[in-house]
Every structure is written in structure tokens, then in C-alpha cells.
Protein backbone atom coordinates (compact mmCIF):
# COMPACT_ATOMS: atom_id res chain seq x y z
CA MET A 1 -39.47 198.46 -13.85
CA ALA A 2 -39.24 200.45 -10.47
CA ASN A 3 -40.92 203.64 -9.71
CA ASN A 4 -37.83 205.33 -9.11
CA TYR A 5 -35.91 204.86 -12.03
CA VAL A 6 -34.64 207.75 -13.60
CA GLN A 7 -32.17 207.06 -16.65
CA GLU A 8 -29.20 204.42 -17.67
CA GLY A 9 -26.32 205.79 -15.89
CA ASP A 10 -23.90 206.02 -19.01
CA VAL A 11 -24.86 209.39 -20.61
CA ILE A 12 -26.17 212.21 -17.75
CA ASN A 13 -27.27 215.59 -18.47
CA TYR A 14 -24.67 218.61 -17.69
CA THR A 15 -25.31 222.28 -17.19
CA ASN A 16 -22.75 224.06 -19.06
CA ALA A 17 -21.40 226.94 -16.52
CA SER A 18 -17.95 227.70 -18.27
CA GLY A 19 -18.88 230.76 -20.18
CA SER A 20 -18.20 229.35 -23.35
CA THR A 21 -19.59 226.93 -25.58
CA ILE A 22 -18.17 223.17 -24.39
CA THR A 23 -17.74 221.39 -28.28
CA SER A 24 -19.27 218.22 -29.07
CA GLY A 25 -16.34 215.64 -28.38
CA SER A 26 -14.51 217.59 -25.44
CA GLY A 27 -13.85 216.31 -22.34
CA VAL A 28 -15.91 217.52 -19.55
CA LEU A 29 -15.01 217.37 -15.84
CA VAL A 30 -18.13 217.03 -13.77
CA GLY A 31 -17.45 216.83 -10.27
CA ALA A 32 -15.02 213.80 -9.98
CA TRP A 33 -16.06 212.72 -13.34
CA LEU A 34 -14.57 213.04 -16.84
CA GLY A 35 -17.35 212.82 -19.29
CA VAL A 36 -17.39 213.69 -22.87
CA ALA A 37 -20.16 216.10 -24.57
CA LEU A 38 -22.32 214.29 -27.40
CA ALA A 39 -22.89 217.09 -28.76
CA ASP A 40 -22.30 220.97 -28.31
CA ILE A 41 -23.43 222.50 -24.77
CA ALA A 42 -23.99 226.42 -25.19
CA ASN A 43 -23.00 228.28 -21.94
CA THR A 44 -26.01 228.32 -19.71
CA LYS A 45 -27.80 225.37 -21.65
CA THR A 46 -27.97 221.53 -20.58
CA GLY A 47 -26.65 218.62 -23.11
CA SER A 48 -25.51 215.14 -22.65
CA VAL A 49 -22.46 213.93 -21.64
CA GLN A 50 -21.04 210.35 -21.73
CA ILE A 51 -19.45 209.30 -18.48
CA ALA A 52 -18.21 205.58 -19.84
CA ASN A 53 -16.82 203.70 -22.41
CA VAL A 54 -13.25 204.33 -24.32
CA PHE A 55 -12.78 207.98 -25.97
CA SER A 56 -9.97 208.98 -27.77
CA LEU A 57 -9.13 212.62 -25.76
CA PRO A 58 -5.99 215.07 -26.02
CA LYS A 59 -3.01 214.13 -23.65
CA LEU A 60 0.02 215.68 -22.52
CA GLY A 61 2.56 215.17 -25.40
CA THR A 62 5.53 214.36 -23.27
CA ASP A 63 3.68 211.79 -21.42
CA THR A 64 4.62 208.38 -22.17
CA ILE A 65 1.23 206.20 -21.21
CA ALA A 66 1.74 202.10 -21.19
CA GLN A 67 -1.73 200.43 -21.44
CA GLY A 68 -3.66 200.43 -18.63
CA ALA A 69 -2.00 203.26 -16.98
CA ASN A 70 -3.99 205.65 -15.03
CA LEU A 71 -4.89 208.55 -16.80
CA TYR A 72 -5.94 212.01 -15.13
CA TRP A 73 -7.72 215.49 -16.42
CA ASP A 74 -5.95 218.45 -16.19
CA ASN A 75 -8.76 220.84 -16.18
CA THR A 76 -6.84 223.82 -16.94
CA ASN A 77 -4.95 222.70 -20.12
CA LYS A 78 -8.31 220.42 -20.66
CA ARG A 79 -5.85 217.25 -21.79
CA LEU A 80 -5.06 213.90 -20.35
CA THR A 81 -1.79 213.48 -18.49
CA THR A 82 0.02 211.05 -16.06
CA THR A 83 0.64 213.71 -13.36
CA ALA A 84 -1.49 213.03 -10.39
CA SER A 85 -1.06 215.85 -8.53
CA GLY A 86 -3.31 218.77 -8.92
CA ASN A 87 -5.45 216.72 -11.50
CA THR A 88 -8.42 214.22 -11.32
CA LEU A 89 -8.60 210.69 -11.92
CA ALA A 90 -10.29 210.17 -15.20
CA GLY A 91 -9.90 206.65 -16.36
CA ARG A 92 -7.33 203.87 -17.76
CA ALA A 93 -5.27 204.21 -20.79
CA ALA A 94 -6.96 201.64 -23.55
CA ALA A 95 -4.10 201.75 -25.44
CA ALA A 96 -0.36 203.15 -25.43
CA ALA A 97 0.36 206.54 -26.33
CA GLY A 98 4.25 207.56 -26.75
CA SER A 99 6.01 210.51 -26.39
CA GLY A 100 5.12 212.88 -29.04
CA VAL A 101 1.45 211.86 -29.53
CA THR A 102 -1.26 213.96 -28.68
CA THR A 103 -3.96 211.83 -28.14
CA VAL A 104 -4.67 208.83 -26.25
CA GLN A 105 -7.66 206.26 -26.03
CA ILE A 106 -9.13 206.46 -22.45
CA ARG A 107 -11.59 204.36 -20.97
CA LEU A 108 -13.32 206.71 -18.46
CA ASN A 109 -14.03 205.99 -15.13
CA GLY A 110 -17.94 206.30 -15.07
């Protein structure tokens, strides 16, 4: 193996500076990446964040999402939306999710 290899790229280390604990399974914005905390990460501590694969995450309940649609992370409300303005591109819908549904399966951009 190359002597400059660091780690596989689907999971990265993230230091929580949010002021509160990030709970396992929560969306975590890491710069322009959306990831999912693999375990609770206490404030000021470092933990593992998955930045690839498919996860079910909260979404804006009024959005109707088609499979394959671009999804954006609303970091203020900690949920996915189809609204690009003011939000971060997070990935694409792995499955459709209608209005009134509060979660959507997302293929993360990582």
C-alpha cells in the first residue's frame, strides 16, 4: 500500500463544535458534505461521520420528492428539502417521498 494512504473515504473523523451532542443517525454538515453521525458525538469530541451510501433522514413534510431528485440540507431546521436556495446540496433521493411524509431515503453525495 502507498505510504501516503490515510483511510477509506466513506467515513471521516469530525470534531463537533455545535455546542451540543450530535446524536447517532443525525445529519451532520461537514463543509459542503452532508454526513450521518455513526454514534453520538459529544460537544468538542471527535466521532465518525459516514459521507456515502443511503440513509433515511428527516425532510420537509410538505415537499413531494421524486426518486432521483436533488436534495438539499437545511442546516437551520436539520432536514432535507428540494429547495436549493440557502441550503447545501446533499445528494439524490433513493426513493420517492410524498407530501405528509417526514423522512426520505437519500444517496449522500460523498
